[in-house]
N, C-alpha and C. Protein backbone atom coordinates (compact mmCIF):
# COMPACT_ATOMS: atom_id res chain seq x y z
N GLY A 1 51.68 118.20 125.39
CA GLY A 1 52.34 117.07 126.01
C GLY A 1 53.77 117.34 126.43
N MET A 2 54.27 118.53 126.17
CA MET A 2 55.64 118.87 126.55
C MET A 2 55.60 119.62 127.88
N PRO A 3 56.52 119.31 128.79
CA PRO A 3 56.49 119.98 130.09
C PRO A 3 56.84 121.47 130.02
N ILE A 4 57.74 121.85 129.14
CA ILE A 4 58.14 123.26 129.02
C ILE A 4 58.19 123.61 127.54
N ILE A 5 57.42 124.63 127.15
CA ILE A 5 57.43 125.12 125.77
C ILE A 5 57.90 126.57 125.82
N ILE A 6 58.85 126.89 124.95
CA ILE A 6 59.42 128.23 124.90
C ILE A 6 59.37 128.77 123.49
N GLY A 7 59.48 130.08 123.36
CA GLY A 7 59.50 130.72 122.06
C GLY A 7 60.90 130.75 121.47
N GLU A 8 60.98 131.28 120.25
CA GLU A 8 62.24 131.28 119.50
C GLU A 8 63.34 132.09 120.19
N ASN A 9 63.00 133.24 120.76
CA ASN A 9 64.01 134.05 121.44
C ASN A 9 64.59 133.33 122.65
N ALA A 10 63.74 132.69 123.42
CA ALA A 10 64.22 131.94 124.58
C ALA A 10 65.06 130.74 124.14
N ALA A 11 64.67 130.09 123.05
CA ALA A 11 65.44 128.95 122.55
C ALA A 11 66.84 129.39 122.12
N THR A 12 66.93 130.54 121.49
CA THR A 12 68.24 131.07 121.08
C THR A 12 69.09 131.40 122.31
N ALA A 13 68.48 131.97 123.32
CA ALA A 13 69.19 132.32 124.54
C ALA A 13 69.62 131.10 125.34
N ALA A 14 68.96 129.98 125.14
CA ALA A 14 69.26 128.75 125.88
C ALA A 14 70.05 127.77 125.02
N ALA A 15 71.01 128.28 124.27
CA ALA A 15 71.76 127.46 123.31
C ALA A 15 72.47 126.27 123.94
N GLU A 16 72.85 126.37 125.21
CA GLU A 16 73.56 125.26 125.86
C GLU A 16 72.62 124.15 126.30
N PHE A 17 71.33 124.38 126.23
CA PHE A 17 70.34 123.38 126.60
C PHE A 17 69.90 122.59 125.36
N ALA A 18 69.26 121.48 125.58
CA ALA A 18 68.69 120.71 124.48
C ALA A 18 67.32 121.30 124.18
N VAL A 19 67.23 122.04 123.08
CA VAL A 19 65.94 122.57 122.65
C VAL A 19 65.57 121.92 121.34
N PHE A 20 64.31 121.88 121.07
CA PHE A 20 63.76 121.03 120.03
C PHE A 20 62.60 121.76 119.41
N GLU A 21 62.71 122.13 118.12
CA GLU A 21 61.61 122.86 117.48
C GLU A 21 60.39 121.97 117.39
N LEU A 22 59.27 122.47 117.88
CA LEU A 22 58.02 121.73 117.83
C LEU A 22 57.23 122.05 116.58
N ASP A 23 57.09 123.34 116.26
CA ASP A 23 56.22 123.72 115.17
C ASP A 23 56.33 125.21 114.93
N LEU A 24 55.62 125.68 113.94
CA LEU A 24 55.51 127.10 113.61
C LEU A 24 54.03 127.42 113.61
N PHE A 25 53.59 128.23 114.58
CA PHE A 25 52.17 128.52 114.75
C PHE A 25 51.83 129.92 114.33
N GLN A 26 50.75 130.06 113.59
CA GLN A 26 50.28 131.37 113.18
C GLN A 26 49.74 132.16 114.37
N VAL A 27 49.20 131.49 115.34
CA VAL A 27 48.57 132.15 116.48
C VAL A 27 49.54 133.10 117.17
N ILE A 28 50.77 132.66 117.38
CA ILE A 28 51.75 133.51 118.04
C ILE A 28 52.82 134.02 117.08
N GLY A 29 52.82 133.52 115.88
CA GLY A 29 53.70 134.03 114.84
C GLY A 29 55.16 133.69 114.98
N GLU A 30 55.49 132.67 115.74
CA GLU A 30 56.88 132.28 115.84
C GLU A 30 56.98 130.78 116.07
N ARG A 31 58.18 130.29 115.86
CA ARG A 31 58.43 128.88 116.11
C ARG A 31 58.35 128.64 117.61
N ILE A 32 57.90 127.46 117.97
CA ILE A 32 57.88 127.09 119.38
C ILE A 32 58.80 125.89 119.57
N TYR A 33 59.38 125.81 120.73
CA TYR A 33 60.38 124.78 121.04
C TYR A 33 60.04 124.12 122.36
N ALA A 34 60.49 122.88 122.51
CA ALA A 34 60.42 122.19 123.79
C ALA A 34 61.80 122.24 124.41
N LEU A 35 61.86 122.50 125.69
CA LEU A 35 63.12 122.45 126.42
C LEU A 35 63.24 121.03 126.96
N LEU A 36 64.20 120.28 126.44
CA LEU A 36 64.31 118.86 126.77
C LEU A 36 65.25 118.57 127.93
N ALA A 37 66.35 119.30 128.00
CA ALA A 37 67.37 118.97 129.01
C ALA A 37 68.31 120.15 129.20
N ASP A 38 69.06 120.07 130.29
CA ASP A 38 70.07 121.09 130.52
C ASP A 38 71.36 120.72 129.80
N GLU A 39 72.38 121.56 129.97
CA GLU A 39 73.63 121.35 129.24
C GLU A 39 74.34 120.06 129.63
N LYS A 40 74.05 119.50 130.80
CA LYS A 40 74.70 118.27 131.26
C LYS A 40 74.20 117.04 130.53
N THR A 41 72.94 117.06 130.12
CA THR A 41 72.35 115.87 129.48
C THR A 41 71.87 116.14 128.06
N ALA A 42 72.15 117.31 127.53
CA ALA A 42 71.65 117.70 126.20
C ALA A 42 72.06 116.73 125.11
N SER A 43 73.28 116.20 125.19
CA SER A 43 73.77 115.34 124.11
C SER A 43 72.96 114.06 123.95
N THR A 44 72.30 113.61 125.00
CA THR A 44 71.52 112.37 124.90
C THR A 44 70.29 112.53 124.00
N PHE A 45 69.89 113.79 123.76
CA PHE A 45 68.72 114.04 122.94
C PHE A 45 69.05 114.39 121.48
N GLN A 46 70.32 114.40 121.13
CA GLN A 46 70.70 114.79 119.78
C GLN A 46 70.08 113.91 118.68
N PRO A 47 69.98 112.59 118.85
CA PRO A 47 69.32 111.79 117.81
C PRO A 47 67.86 112.22 117.57
N LEU A 48 67.14 112.51 118.63
CA LEU A 48 65.75 112.96 118.49
C LEU A 48 65.70 114.34 117.83
N ILE A 49 66.56 115.23 118.24
CA ILE A 49 66.57 116.57 117.67
C ILE A 49 66.86 116.50 116.17
N ALA A 50 67.84 115.69 115.78
CA ALA A 50 68.19 115.55 114.36
C ALA A 50 67.03 114.94 113.57
N ALA A 51 66.38 113.93 114.11
CA ALA A 51 65.25 113.30 113.43
C ALA A 51 64.08 114.26 113.32
N GLN A 52 63.86 115.08 114.35
CA GLN A 52 62.78 116.07 114.31
C GLN A 52 63.04 117.10 113.21
N VAL A 53 64.28 117.54 113.08
CA VAL A 53 64.62 118.50 112.01
C VAL A 53 64.31 117.87 110.65
N GLU A 54 64.69 116.61 110.46
CA GLU A 54 64.40 115.92 109.20
C GLU A 54 62.90 115.82 108.96
N MET A 55 62.16 115.46 110.02
CA MET A 55 60.71 115.30 109.89
C MET A 55 60.06 116.63 109.52
N LEU A 56 60.44 117.71 110.21
CA LEU A 56 59.85 119.01 109.90
C LEU A 56 60.19 119.46 108.48
N THR A 57 61.38 119.15 108.02
CA THR A 57 61.78 119.50 106.65
C THR A 57 60.89 118.78 105.64
N ALA A 58 60.68 117.49 105.83
CA ALA A 58 59.82 116.72 104.93
C ALA A 58 58.38 117.18 105.02
N TYR A 59 57.90 117.44 106.23
CA TYR A 59 56.54 117.91 106.47
C TYR A 59 56.30 119.23 105.75
N ARG A 60 57.22 120.17 105.91
CA ARG A 60 57.06 121.49 105.29
C ARG A 60 57.23 121.44 103.78
N ALA A 61 57.90 120.42 103.28
CA ALA A 61 58.03 120.21 101.83
C ALA A 61 56.85 119.43 101.27
N GLN A 62 55.91 119.08 102.14
CA GLN A 62 54.71 118.32 101.78
C GLN A 62 55.05 116.93 101.25
N ASP A 63 56.14 116.37 101.74
CA ASP A 63 56.52 115.00 101.41
C ASP A 63 55.94 114.12 102.52
N TRP A 64 54.65 113.83 102.39
CA TRP A 64 53.91 113.18 103.46
C TRP A 64 54.41 111.78 103.76
N THR A 65 54.86 111.04 102.76
CA THR A 65 55.35 109.68 102.99
C THR A 65 56.62 109.70 103.83
N VAL A 66 57.55 110.56 103.47
CA VAL A 66 58.80 110.67 104.23
C VAL A 66 58.51 111.23 105.62
N ALA A 67 57.67 112.23 105.71
CA ALA A 67 57.34 112.82 107.01
C ALA A 67 56.73 111.77 107.94
N ALA A 68 55.83 110.94 107.42
CA ALA A 68 55.20 109.90 108.24
C ALA A 68 56.24 108.88 108.72
N ALA A 69 57.16 108.51 107.84
CA ALA A 69 58.22 107.57 108.23
C ALA A 69 59.11 108.18 109.31
N LEU A 70 59.38 109.46 109.20
CA LEU A 70 60.22 110.12 110.20
C LEU A 70 59.48 110.32 111.53
N VAL A 71 58.17 110.50 111.48
CA VAL A 71 57.39 110.52 112.72
C VAL A 71 57.57 109.19 113.44
N ALA A 72 57.48 108.09 112.71
CA ALA A 72 57.67 106.77 113.31
C ALA A 72 59.07 106.63 113.89
N LYS A 73 60.07 107.14 113.19
CA LYS A 73 61.44 107.09 113.69
C LYS A 73 61.56 107.90 114.98
N CYS A 74 61.00 109.09 114.99
CA CYS A 74 61.07 109.95 116.18
C CYS A 74 60.44 109.30 117.39
N ARG A 75 59.32 108.61 117.17
CA ARG A 75 58.61 107.98 118.28
C ARG A 75 59.50 107.00 119.04
N GLY A 76 60.46 106.40 118.36
CA GLY A 76 61.31 105.39 118.99
C GLY A 76 62.55 105.95 119.67
N LEU A 77 62.72 107.25 119.67
CA LEU A 77 63.93 107.85 120.22
C LEU A 77 63.70 108.42 121.62
N LYS A 78 64.76 108.49 122.39
CA LYS A 78 64.70 109.01 123.76
C LYS A 78 64.19 110.44 123.75
N GLY A 79 63.19 110.70 124.59
CA GLY A 79 62.62 112.03 124.73
C GLY A 79 61.38 112.28 123.91
N ALA A 80 61.03 111.35 123.03
CA ALA A 80 59.86 111.52 122.18
C ALA A 80 58.59 111.58 123.03
N VAL A 81 57.67 112.44 122.61
CA VAL A 81 56.39 112.59 123.30
C VAL A 81 55.30 112.14 122.33
N ASP A 82 54.61 111.07 122.70
CA ASP A 82 53.59 110.50 121.82
C ASP A 82 52.56 111.52 121.37
N ARG A 83 52.14 112.39 122.26
CA ARG A 83 51.09 113.36 121.92
C ARG A 83 51.52 114.26 120.75
N LEU A 84 52.78 114.68 120.74
CA LEU A 84 53.29 115.50 119.64
C LEU A 84 53.23 114.73 118.33
N TYR A 85 53.68 113.49 118.35
CA TYR A 85 53.70 112.71 117.11
C TYR A 85 52.32 112.22 116.71
N ASP A 86 51.40 112.09 117.67
CA ASP A 86 50.01 111.83 117.32
C ASP A 86 49.46 113.01 116.53
N GLU A 87 49.78 114.23 116.97
CA GLU A 87 49.33 115.45 116.28
C GLU A 87 49.88 115.51 114.86
N PHE A 88 51.19 115.27 114.69
CA PHE A 88 51.76 115.31 113.35
C PHE A 88 51.20 114.20 112.47
N SER A 89 50.98 113.03 113.02
CA SER A 89 50.39 111.94 112.23
C SER A 89 49.00 112.32 111.74
N ALA A 90 48.20 112.93 112.60
CA ALA A 90 46.86 113.35 112.20
C ALA A 90 46.92 114.44 111.13
N ARG A 91 47.82 115.38 111.28
CA ARG A 91 47.96 116.43 110.27
C ARG A 91 48.40 115.86 108.93
N ILE A 92 49.37 114.95 108.97
CA ILE A 92 49.87 114.34 107.73
C ILE A 92 48.74 113.63 107.00
N GLU A 93 47.95 112.86 107.73
CA GLU A 93 46.82 112.15 107.11
C GLU A 93 45.81 113.14 106.54
N ALA A 94 45.53 114.21 107.25
CA ALA A 94 44.59 115.21 106.76
C ALA A 94 45.14 115.90 105.51
N TYR A 95 46.43 116.21 105.51
CA TYR A 95 47.03 116.88 104.35
C TYR A 95 47.15 115.94 103.15
N ARG A 96 47.26 114.65 103.39
CA ARG A 96 47.25 113.70 102.27
C ARG A 96 45.91 113.77 101.55
N ASP A 97 44.84 113.89 102.32
CA ASP A 97 43.49 113.95 101.76
C ASP A 97 43.18 115.32 101.15
N ALA A 98 43.72 116.37 101.76
CA ALA A 98 43.46 117.74 101.29
C ALA A 98 44.75 118.55 101.42
N PRO A 99 45.64 118.43 100.42
CA PRO A 99 46.93 119.14 100.49
C PRO A 99 46.74 120.64 100.68
N PRO A 100 47.66 121.27 101.42
CA PRO A 100 47.51 122.68 101.73
C PRO A 100 47.81 123.63 100.56
N GLY A 101 48.35 123.13 99.48
CA GLY A 101 48.62 123.97 98.31
C GLY A 101 50.09 124.32 98.18
N ALA A 102 50.47 124.70 96.97
CA ALA A 102 51.87 124.97 96.66
C ALA A 102 52.42 126.18 97.40
N ASP A 103 51.56 127.10 97.78
CA ASP A 103 52.03 128.32 98.46
C ASP A 103 52.05 128.18 99.99
N TRP A 104 51.79 126.99 100.51
CA TRP A 104 51.78 126.76 101.96
C TRP A 104 53.16 127.03 102.53
N ASP A 105 53.22 127.77 103.61
CA ASP A 105 54.50 128.13 104.21
C ASP A 105 54.88 127.25 105.41
N GLY A 106 54.13 126.20 105.64
CA GLY A 106 54.43 125.29 106.74
C GLY A 106 53.87 125.72 108.07
N VAL A 107 53.19 126.83 108.11
CA VAL A 107 52.63 127.32 109.36
C VAL A 107 51.33 126.58 109.65
N HIS A 108 51.24 126.05 110.86
CA HIS A 108 50.01 125.40 111.28
C HIS A 108 49.05 126.46 111.80
N VAL A 109 47.86 126.50 111.25
CA VAL A 109 46.84 127.43 111.72
C VAL A 109 45.97 126.68 112.72
N ALA A 110 46.14 127.00 113.98
CA ALA A 110 45.39 126.33 115.03
C ALA A 110 43.93 126.75 114.95
N THR A 111 43.04 125.78 114.97
CA THR A 111 41.62 126.07 114.94
C THR A 111 41.00 125.91 116.31
N SER A 112 41.80 125.41 117.27
CA SER A 112 41.35 125.28 118.66
C SER A 112 42.58 125.30 119.55
N LYS A 113 42.32 125.52 120.84
CA LYS A 113 43.44 125.53 121.81
C LYS A 113 43.74 124.14 122.27
């Protein structure tokens, strides 16, 4: 659901742009980011970027209640993409039913494209 998805190296190189970590995928072995805006409008996305960082932190800590609340918060912010938060909501519900285990590193193992 994101118009432009870039890898970690490109995100680092585009520091003046608004980039937003989406997830950590085993398939490609690196974090993936969405490019939200250029340097002229990047500041308008800072609330979403900050909330996404909080959500990913709670998600990776397996704090499903906090992660779900932060997904809801993210949905209401400028730049939010419903499809991304639909995916995280589905994962959170699945992990509530079948937690990934104490040794989980937060990497999503994609089972389909």
